[in-house]
Amino acid sequence: AWPRGGRRADAQVHLGRARVAFASLRARDPDTRAEARLLVHHAILALRGPGTDAAPLAEVWRAYTTPEDILQWNAASADWHTTAATVDLRPGGRFSSRMEAKDGSFAFDFEGEYTHVVVHERIEYTFGDRAAVVEFTDSGDGVTVTVTFEGEASHSEEQQRAGWQAILDNFARHVKGQVAAG
C-alpha cells in the first residue's frame, strides 16, 4: 500500500488526442527522509474514435507483457534500446530488460520480481528496494495504462517522470502500429 499524507502536485499535458497527466506524492518513509512517489498516467485515447480501430484490452496487455514486444517499445529515447527481455508473469516470477545506449557507452538491467498479477487488470512488482504498480483500465475512450512507482534519489523527479513517460509513449506508438497493421 502507498503511504498516506504528504503533498500532491498535478499537471497535465496533451499529446494529440491522448491525454497524459502527472502527479507526484511526497511521503515520509520509516527513516523520516522524504521519498518521491510518482504517478505516471497515460490514457491511450487515440486508439478509439471515428475511423480508428480499437486495441482490445487483451492486445494492450499482451504488448505490455510479451518479451518480443517489450524489445520494440521499452526505451526512453531514440539513442537507447532494449536488447533482451524476459518475463515470468506470475507472483514470484522474475522479469528483466537489458537496456543499452546504442553507442555502447552505458547499459543496465531493469529487473525485479512480480508480487501480484491480475490478468488484464493489474501487475505489481518490486525492483531493488522499490515497488511499482501497473493498472490496465478499459473505458469507452480506450485502454488506460497507469504506472505508479517509487522514485529514487539519484535522478530528479522530473527526469524520472520524463523517462517513464517516454517509455509509455513508445508503448502507445507500438500498440497503435500493431492495430494499424491489423
Protein backbone atom coordinates (compact mmCIF):
# COMPACT_ATOMS: atom_id res chain seq x y z
CA ALA A 1 0.00 0.00 0.00
CA TRP A 2 1.18 3.53 -0.76
CA PRO A 3 1.70 5.77 2.25
CA ARG A 4 -0.92 8.38 3.09
CA GLY A 5 -0.24 12.03 3.76
CA GLY A 6 2.30 14.34 2.24
CA ARG A 7 1.52 16.78 -0.55
CA ARG A 8 0.41 16.29 -4.11
CA ALA A 9 1.12 18.33 -7.22
CA ASP A 10 -0.66 17.80 -10.51
CA ALA A 11 -0.03 18.93 -14.08
CA GLN A 12 -1.46 17.87 -17.41
CA VAL A 13 0.00 17.68 -20.89
CA HIS A 14 -1.94 16.95 -24.07
CA LEU A 15 -0.35 14.91 -26.87
CA GLY A 16 -2.64 14.87 -29.88
CA ARG A 17 -5.79 13.14 -28.73
CA ALA A 18 -4.01 11.26 -25.96
CA ARG A 19 -4.09 12.87 -22.54
CA VAL A 20 -1.18 12.49 -20.18
CA ALA A 21 -1.47 13.51 -16.56
CA PHE A 22 1.32 13.51 -13.99
CA ALA A 23 1.05 13.61 -10.25
CA SER A 24 3.62 13.25 -7.53
CA LEU A 25 3.08 12.41 -3.91
CA ARG A 26 5.70 13.10 -1.29
CA ALA A 27 5.55 10.90 1.74
CA ARG A 28 7.84 10.11 4.62
CA ASP A 29 9.34 6.68 4.95
CA PRO A 30 10.13 4.94 8.26
CA ASP A 31 13.55 6.66 8.35
CA THR A 32 11.75 10.06 8.15
CA ARG A 33 13.51 11.05 4.93
CA ALA A 34 11.38 12.36 2.11
CA GLU A 35 10.90 9.89 -0.69
CA ALA A 36 9.18 10.55 -4.02
CA ARG A 37 6.14 8.55 -5.01
CA LEU A 38 5.50 9.20 -8.69
CA LEU A 39 2.40 8.51 -10.72
CA VAL A 40 2.57 8.40 -14.49
CA HIS A 41 -0.83 8.13 -16.13
CA HIS A 42 -1.12 7.58 -19.85
CA ALA A 43 -4.54 7.33 -21.47
CA ILE A 44 -4.24 5.76 -24.91
CA LEU A 45 -7.27 7.63 -26.18
CA ALA A 46 -6.21 7.82 -29.83
CA LEU A 47 -6.82 4.09 -30.18
CA ARG A 48 -10.58 4.69 -30.35
CA GLY A 49 -12.51 7.21 -32.37
CA PRO A 50 -14.03 7.82 -35.79
CA GLY A 51 -12.34 5.62 -38.38
CA THR A 52 -9.96 4.17 -35.78
CA ASP A 53 -9.84 0.52 -34.82
CA ALA A 54 -9.71 -0.01 -31.08
CA ALA A 55 -6.99 -2.04 -29.46
CA PRO A 56 -8.74 -4.50 -27.18
CA LEU A 57 -7.54 -4.77 -23.60
CA ALA A 58 -6.14 -8.24 -24.28
CA GLU A 59 -3.92 -6.84 -27.07
CA VAL A 60 -2.67 -3.98 -24.89
CA TRP A 61 -1.91 -6.45 -22.06
CA ARG A 62 -0.08 -8.80 -24.45
CA ALA A 63 2.04 -5.99 -25.87
CA TYR A 64 2.99 -4.87 -22.34
CA THR A 65 3.91 -8.35 -21.09
CA THR A 66 5.48 -10.17 -24.06
CA PRO A 67 9.30 -10.08 -24.35
CA GLU A 68 9.20 -9.73 -28.16
CA ASP A 69 7.00 -6.66 -27.84
CA ILE A 70 8.99 -5.19 -24.94
CA LEU A 71 12.08 -5.20 -27.19
CA GLN A 72 10.18 -2.92 -29.60
CA TRP A 73 8.93 -0.22 -27.19
CA ASN A 74 10.99 -0.24 -23.97
CA ALA A 75 13.28 2.78 -24.42
CA ALA A 76 13.16 6.30 -23.03
CA SER A 77 14.84 7.90 -26.07
CA ALA A 78 15.89 7.09 -29.64
CA ASP A 79 19.53 6.59 -28.59
CA TRP A 80 18.60 3.71 -26.23
CA HIS A 81 17.15 0.27 -26.85
CA THR A 82 16.26 -2.93 -25.04
CA THR A 83 18.39 -5.80 -26.29
CA ALA A 84 16.95 -8.64 -24.18
CA ALA A 85 13.79 -9.17 -22.15
CA THR A 86 12.41 -11.99 -20.05
CA VAL A 87 9.01 -12.24 -18.38
CA ASP A 88 7.73 -14.90 -15.96
CA LEU A 89 4.38 -13.22 -15.28
CA ARG A 90 3.22 -14.76 -12.00
CA PRO A 91 3.66 -13.88 -8.33
CA GLY A 92 7.25 -14.81 -7.50
CA GLY A 93 8.18 -14.77 -11.20
CA ARG A 94 11.07 -12.61 -12.37
CA PHE A 95 11.43 -10.10 -15.19
CA SER A 96 14.42 -8.43 -16.78
CA SER A 97 15.02 -5.92 -19.55
CA ARG A 98 18.57 -5.21 -20.72
CA MET A 99 18.63 -1.51 -21.57
CA GLU A 100 21.62 -0.17 -23.50
CA ALA A 101 22.76 3.08 -25.07
CA LYS A 102 23.02 2.44 -28.79
CA ASP A 103 26.58 3.83 -28.82
CA GLY A 104 27.61 1.23 -26.23
CA SER A 105 28.54 3.83 -23.60
CA PHE A 106 26.20 2.55 -20.87
CA ALA A 107 23.89 -0.36 -20.10
CA PHE A 108 21.89 -1.71 -17.20
CA ASP A 109 19.42 -4.43 -16.34
CA PHE A 110 15.98 -3.33 -15.20
CA GLU A 111 14.89 -6.39 -13.27
CA GLY A 112 12.67 -7.45 -10.44
CA GLU A 113 10.02 -9.78 -9.16
CA TYR A 114 6.28 -9.84 -9.70
CA THR A 115 4.38 -9.75 -6.41
CA HIS A 116 0.75 -9.70 -7.63
CA VAL A 117 -0.82 -10.28 -11.05
CA VAL A 118 -4.47 -9.97 -12.06
CA VAL A 119 -4.63 -10.73 -15.79
CA HIS A 120 -5.84 -7.77 -17.89
CA GLU A 121 -6.11 -5.60 -14.76
CA ARG A 122 -3.03 -5.17 -12.59
CA ILE A 123 0.65 -6.02 -12.23
CA GLU A 124 2.58 -5.30 -9.03
CA TYR A 125 6.32 -5.80 -8.80
CA THR A 126 9.43 -4.92 -6.87
CA PHE A 127 12.71 -3.79 -8.39
CA GLY A 128 15.60 -3.40 -5.99
CA ASP A 129 14.19 -1.86 -2.83
CA ARG A 130 11.38 -0.10 -4.72
CA ALA A 131 7.91 -1.11 -5.90
CA ALA A 132 5.62 -0.36 -8.84
CA VAL A 133 2.03 -0.99 -9.88
CA VAL A 134 0.73 -1.11 -13.46
CA GLU A 135 -3.04 -0.88 -13.92
CA PHE A 136 -4.99 -1.53 -17.13
CA THR A 137 -8.44 0.05 -17.38
CA ASP A 138 -10.74 -0.36 -20.37
CA SER A 139 -13.19 2.51 -20.83
CA GLY A 140 -15.22 3.90 -23.68
CA ASP A 141 -12.27 6.11 -24.62
CA GLY A 142 -9.73 3.29 -24.85
CA VAL A 143 -7.39 1.41 -22.61
CA THR A 144 -5.66 3.41 -19.89
CA VAL A 145 -2.32 2.14 -18.62
CA THR A 146 -1.34 3.68 -15.28
CA VAL A 147 2.13 3.11 -13.85
CA THR A 148 2.78 4.11 -10.24
CA PHE A 149 6.31 3.68 -8.94
CA GLU A 150 8.54 4.66 -6.07
CA GLY A 151 11.07 7.28 -7.05
CA GLU A 152 14.78 7.07 -6.39
CA ALA A 153 17.31 9.60 -5.18
CA SER A 154 19.92 9.55 -7.97
CA HIS A 155 17.67 11.28 -10.57
CA SER A 156 15.31 14.22 -10.16
CA GLU A 157 11.56 13.72 -10.12
CA GLU A 158 11.38 15.49 -13.47
CA GLN A 159 13.97 13.14 -15.03
CA GLN A 160 12.13 10.10 -13.69
CA ARG A 161 8.75 11.34 -14.92
CA ALA A 162 10.18 12.16 -18.34
CA GLY A 163 11.93 8.81 -18.71
CA TRP A 164 8.99 6.65 -17.64
CA GLN A 165 6.58 8.77 -19.70
CA ALA A 166 8.78 8.46 -22.80
CA ILE A 167 8.70 4.68 -22.40
CA LEU A 168 4.89 4.74 -22.10
CA ASP A 169 4.67 6.99 -25.17
CA ASN A 170 6.76 4.44 -27.11
CA PHE A 171 4.45 1.70 -25.83
CA ALA A 172 1.38 3.61 -27.09
CA ARG A 173 3.00 4.10 -30.53
CA HIS A 174 3.87 0.38 -30.65
CA VAL A 175 0.30 -0.67 -29.86
CA LYS A 176 -1.15 1.82 -32.34
CA GLY A 177 1.21 0.48 -35.03
CA GLN A 178 0.09 -3.06 -34.34
CA VAL A 179 -3.58 -2.05 -34.56
CA ALA A 180 -2.96 -0.21 -37.84
CA ALA A 181 -1.09 -3.21 -39.27
CA GLY A 182 -4.10 -5.35 -38.39
